[in-house]
């Protein structure tokens, strides 16, 4: 069984393959810096105002769709 490379930067997980089908082919469907207003608002709601956005300002928030199984 192949392993999936998982890296972490400032607590944000990054994967090199889909965790379901193990395919490395994917498409970025959403990409924003954590310091953009939309992401700041989401983080404030999701983490009830406890997210340290300044700590994450050099990180990109991405939603990626697998080309094989369509996992987001």
C-alpha atoms as a PDB file:
ATOM      1  CA  UNK A   1       0.000   0.000   0.000  1.00  0.00           C
ATOM      2  CA  UNK A   2       1.340   3.442  -0.973  1.00  0.00           C
ATOM      3  CA  UNK A   3       1.622   6.113   1.652  1.00  0.00           C
ATOM      4  CA  UNK A   4       0.333   9.648   1.356  1.00  0.00           C
ATOM      5  CA  UNK A   5       2.845  12.375   2.105  1.00  0.00           C
ATOM      6  CA  UNK A   6       1.373  14.790   4.629  1.00  0.00           C
ATOM      7  CA  UNK A   7       3.198  17.970   5.501  1.00  0.00           C
ATOM      8  CA  UNK A   8       2.204  20.612   7.990  1.00  0.00           C
ATOM      9  CA  UNK A   9       3.036  24.297   8.090  1.00  0.00           C
ATOM     10  CA  UNK A  10       1.767  26.269  11.061  1.00  0.00           C
ATOM     11  CA  UNK A  11      -0.788  23.551  11.783  1.00  0.00           C
ATOM     12  CA  UNK A  12      -2.222  23.532   8.241  1.00  0.00           C
ATOM     13  CA  UNK A  13      -2.171  20.083   6.611  1.00  0.00           C
ATOM     14  CA  UNK A  14      -0.990  19.666   3.024  1.00  0.00           C
ATOM     15  CA  UNK A  15      -1.307  16.366   1.140  1.00  0.00           C
ATOM     16  CA  UNK A  16       0.418  15.226  -2.037  1.00  0.00           C
ATOM     17  CA  UNK A  17      -2.309  12.672  -2.900  1.00  0.00           C
ATOM     18  CA  UNK A  18      -6.004  12.113  -2.313  1.00  0.00           C
ATOM     19  CA  UNK A  19      -6.561  10.403   1.068  1.00  0.00           C
ATOM     20  CA  UNK A  20      -9.387   8.308  -0.442  1.00  0.00           C
ATOM     21  CA  UNK A  21      -8.154   7.043  -3.835  1.00  0.00           C
ATOM     22  CA  UNK A  22      -4.408   7.845  -3.527  1.00  0.00           C
ATOM     23  CA  UNK A  23      -4.312   9.713  -6.855  1.00  0.00           C
ATOM     24  CA  UNK A  24      -1.917  12.655  -7.130  1.00  0.00           C
ATOM     25  CA  UNK A  25      -3.993  14.501  -9.751  1.00  0.00           C
ATOM     26  CA  UNK A  26      -6.220  17.268  -8.437  1.00  0.00           C
ATOM     27  CA  UNK A  27      -7.592  20.701  -9.248  1.00  0.00           C
ATOM     28  CA  UNK A  28      -7.574  23.729  -6.962  1.00  0.00           C
ATOM     29  CA  UNK A  29     -11.137  25.053  -6.886  1.00  0.00           C
ATOM     30  CA  UNK A  30     -10.664  27.743  -4.228  1.00  0.00           C
ATOM     31  CA  UNK A  31      -7.506  29.579  -3.218  1.00  0.00           C
ATOM     32  CA  UNK A  32      -7.226  32.563  -0.883  1.00  0.00           C
ATOM     33  CA  UNK A  33      -4.706  33.926   1.579  1.00  0.00           C
ATOM     34  CA  UNK A  34      -5.738  33.603   5.221  1.00  0.00           C
ATOM     35  CA  UNK A  35      -5.480  37.393   5.500  1.00  0.00           C
ATOM     36  CA  UNK A  36      -8.247  37.995   2.918  1.00  0.00           C
ATOM     37  CA  UNK A  37     -11.507  39.243   4.423  1.00  0.00           C
ATOM     38  CA  UNK A  38     -13.612  36.235   3.312  1.00  0.00           C
ATOM     39  CA  UNK A  39     -11.289  33.759   5.031  1.00  0.00           C
ATOM     40  CA  UNK A  40     -10.911  35.978   8.106  1.00  0.00           C
ATOM     41  CA  UNK A  41     -14.703  36.043   8.500  1.00  0.00           C
ATOM     42  CA  UNK A  42     -14.957  32.270   8.059  1.00  0.00           C
ATOM     43  CA  UNK A  43     -12.192  31.614  10.594  1.00  0.00           C
ATOM     44  CA  UNK A  44     -13.755  33.984  13.132  1.00  0.00           C
ATOM     45  CA  UNK A  45     -17.081  32.154  12.882  1.00  0.00           C
ATOM     46  CA  UNK A  46     -15.639  28.625  12.698  1.00  0.00           C
ATOM     47  CA  UNK A  47     -13.234  29.164  15.599  1.00  0.00           C
ATOM     48  CA  UNK A  48     -15.429  31.569  17.581  1.00  0.00           C
ATOM     49  CA  UNK A  49     -12.928  34.405  17.334  1.00  0.00           C
ATOM     50  CA  UNK A  50     -10.007  32.289  18.591  1.00  0.00           C
ATOM     51  CA  UNK A  51      -8.131  31.886  15.282  1.00  0.00           C
ATOM     52  CA  UNK A  52      -4.807  33.732  15.089  1.00  0.00           C
ATOM     53  CA  UNK A  53      -5.093  35.119  11.554  1.00  0.00           C
ATOM     54  CA  UNK A  54      -1.822  37.089  11.819  1.00  0.00           C
ATOM     55  CA  UNK A  55      -0.006  33.809  12.523  1.00  0.00           C
ATOM     56  CA  UNK A  56      -1.467  32.345   9.310  1.00  0.00           C
ATOM     57  CA  UNK A  57      -1.040  35.404   7.062  1.00  0.00           C
ATOM     58  CA  UNK A  58       1.694  33.791   4.919  1.00  0.00           C
ATOM     59  CA  UNK A  59      -0.347  30.591   4.396  1.00  0.00           C
ATOM     60  CA  UNK A  60      -2.861  29.935   1.597  1.00  0.00           C
ATOM     61  CA  UNK A  61      -6.254  28.347   2.260  1.00  0.00           C
ATOM     62  CA  UNK A  62      -7.079  25.934  -0.575  1.00  0.00           C
ATOM     63  CA  UNK A  63      -9.940  23.638  -1.412  1.00  0.00           C
ATOM     64  CA  UNK A  64      -8.770  20.936  -3.801  1.00  0.00           C
ATOM     65  CA  UNK A  65     -10.901  18.492  -5.800  1.00  0.00           C
ATOM     66  CA  UNK A  66      -9.551  15.049  -6.643  1.00  0.00           C
ATOM     67  CA  UNK A  67      -9.607  14.337 -10.386  1.00  0.00           C
ATOM     68  CA  UNK A  68     -10.526  10.688  -9.815  1.00  0.00           C
ATOM     69  CA  UNK A  69     -13.054  10.424  -6.952  1.00  0.00           C
ATOM     70  CA  UNK A  70     -14.114  14.113  -6.700  1.00  0.00           C
ATOM     71  CA  UNK A  71     -13.312  14.343  -2.992  1.00  0.00           C
ATOM     72  CA  UNK A  72     -13.016  17.966  -1.835  1.00  0.00           C
END
